[in-house]
Amino acid sequence: KAINGISNKDIKAFGQYALTAHREGVVLQDDFIQGQRVDAGDSVMLLADEKQLWVEAKVSPNKKLNLSIDSPAVLKLEGQSYNA
């Protein structure tokens, strides 16, 4: 009886929910599957804030570098230079 009382409009809305993050970002990974039940506050996605990017560099431990925190750097990638 309850199933028959569901309108076509209600059926179209099933399974469609807006997920709102507390910050802007790009989805790197989603940690849920279709049909999974989640509760308020559960983490379901991994977001990256691309306003500030990180670069990891492998440098020989024998190489002496005189770097301090907040030292400026230039990243060269595919013929382009980026100040960091």
Protein backbone atom coordinates (compact mmCIF):
# COMPACT_ATOMS: atom_id res chain seq x y z
CA LYS A 1 0.00 0.00 0.00
CA ALA A 2 2.79 2.46 0.90
CA ILE A 3 4.71 1.64 -2.29
CA ASN A 4 1.63 2.31 -4.43
CA GLY A 5 1.28 5.71 -2.76
CA ILE A 6 4.64 6.91 -4.08
CA SER A 7 4.20 9.36 -6.94
CA ASN A 8 6.34 9.45 -10.09
CA LYS A 9 7.87 12.69 -8.81
CA ASP A 10 8.95 10.95 -5.59
CA ILE A 11 10.46 8.03 -7.53
CA LYS A 12 12.65 10.37 -9.60
CA ALA A 13 14.04 11.95 -6.43
CA PHE A 14 15.17 8.64 -4.88
CA GLY A 15 18.92 8.32 -4.59
CA GLN A 16 19.70 11.89 -5.61
CA TYR A 17 21.19 13.98 -2.85
CA ALA A 18 23.32 17.11 -2.83
CA LEU A 19 26.58 16.55 -0.96
CA THR A 20 27.97 19.81 0.40
CA ALA A 21 31.54 20.19 1.62
CA HIS A 22 32.70 22.70 4.21
CA ARG A 23 35.32 23.99 1.75
CA GLU A 24 36.02 24.25 -1.96
CA GLY A 25 38.07 21.59 -3.65
CA VAL A 26 38.43 18.93 -6.28
CA VAL A 27 37.27 15.38 -5.55
CA LEU A 28 40.30 13.08 -5.51
CA GLN A 29 38.56 9.99 -4.19
CA ASP A 30 35.05 8.93 -3.23
CA ASP A 31 34.76 6.37 -0.46
CA PHE A 32 31.21 5.13 -0.88
CA ILE A 33 29.22 2.82 -3.10
CA GLN A 34 25.78 3.28 -4.60
CA GLY A 35 23.10 2.25 -2.13
CA GLN A 36 25.39 2.57 0.90
CA ARG A 37 23.84 4.23 3.93
CA VAL A 38 25.79 7.16 5.35
CA ASP A 39 25.14 9.28 8.39
CA ALA A 40 25.56 13.02 8.84
CA GLY A 41 29.22 13.79 9.42
CA ASP A 42 30.54 10.64 7.69
CA SER A 43 33.51 11.21 5.37
CA VAL A 44 32.61 10.06 1.89
CA MET A 45 35.06 12.00 -0.30
CA LEU A 46 38.67 13.14 -0.29
CA LEU A 47 39.00 16.74 -1.47
CA ALA A 48 42.08 18.68 -2.58
CA ASP A 49 42.34 22.44 -2.35
CA GLU A 50 44.17 23.36 -5.54
CA LYS A 51 44.68 26.97 -4.51
CA GLN A 52 47.89 25.87 -2.81
CA LEU A 53 49.81 22.94 -4.27
CA TRP A 54 52.73 20.95 -2.87
CA VAL A 55 55.75 19.62 -4.70
CA GLU A 56 57.83 16.73 -3.41
CA ALA A 57 61.43 16.62 -4.59
CA LYS A 58 63.94 13.83 -4.15
CA VAL A 59 67.34 15.30 -3.34
CA SER A 60 70.47 13.36 -2.55
CA PRO A 61 71.24 13.41 1.19
CA ASN A 62 74.84 14.27 0.28
CA LYS A 63 73.78 17.48 -1.46
CA LYS A 64 74.28 20.51 0.77
CA LEU A 65 71.40 22.97 0.55
CA ASN A 66 71.15 26.21 2.48
CA LEU A 67 67.38 26.38 2.68
CA SER A 68 65.26 27.98 5.33
CA ILE A 69 61.53 27.93 5.89
CA ASP A 70 59.69 29.97 3.23
CA SER A 71 62.67 29.93 0.85
CA PRO A 72 61.51 30.91 -2.64
CA ALA A 73 61.70 28.27 -5.35
CA VAL A 74 61.09 27.93 -9.08
CA LEU A 75 59.43 24.79 -10.42
CA LYS A 76 60.15 23.95 -14.06
CA LEU A 77 57.66 21.63 -15.71
CA GLU A 78 57.25 20.94 -19.42
CA GLY A 79 59.07 24.12 -20.43
CA GLN A 80 57.10 26.33 -18.06
CA SER A 81 58.49 28.01 -14.93
CA TYR A 82 56.37 28.52 -11.82
CA ASN A 83 57.42 30.65 -8.85
CA ALA A 84 56.73 29.02 -5.53
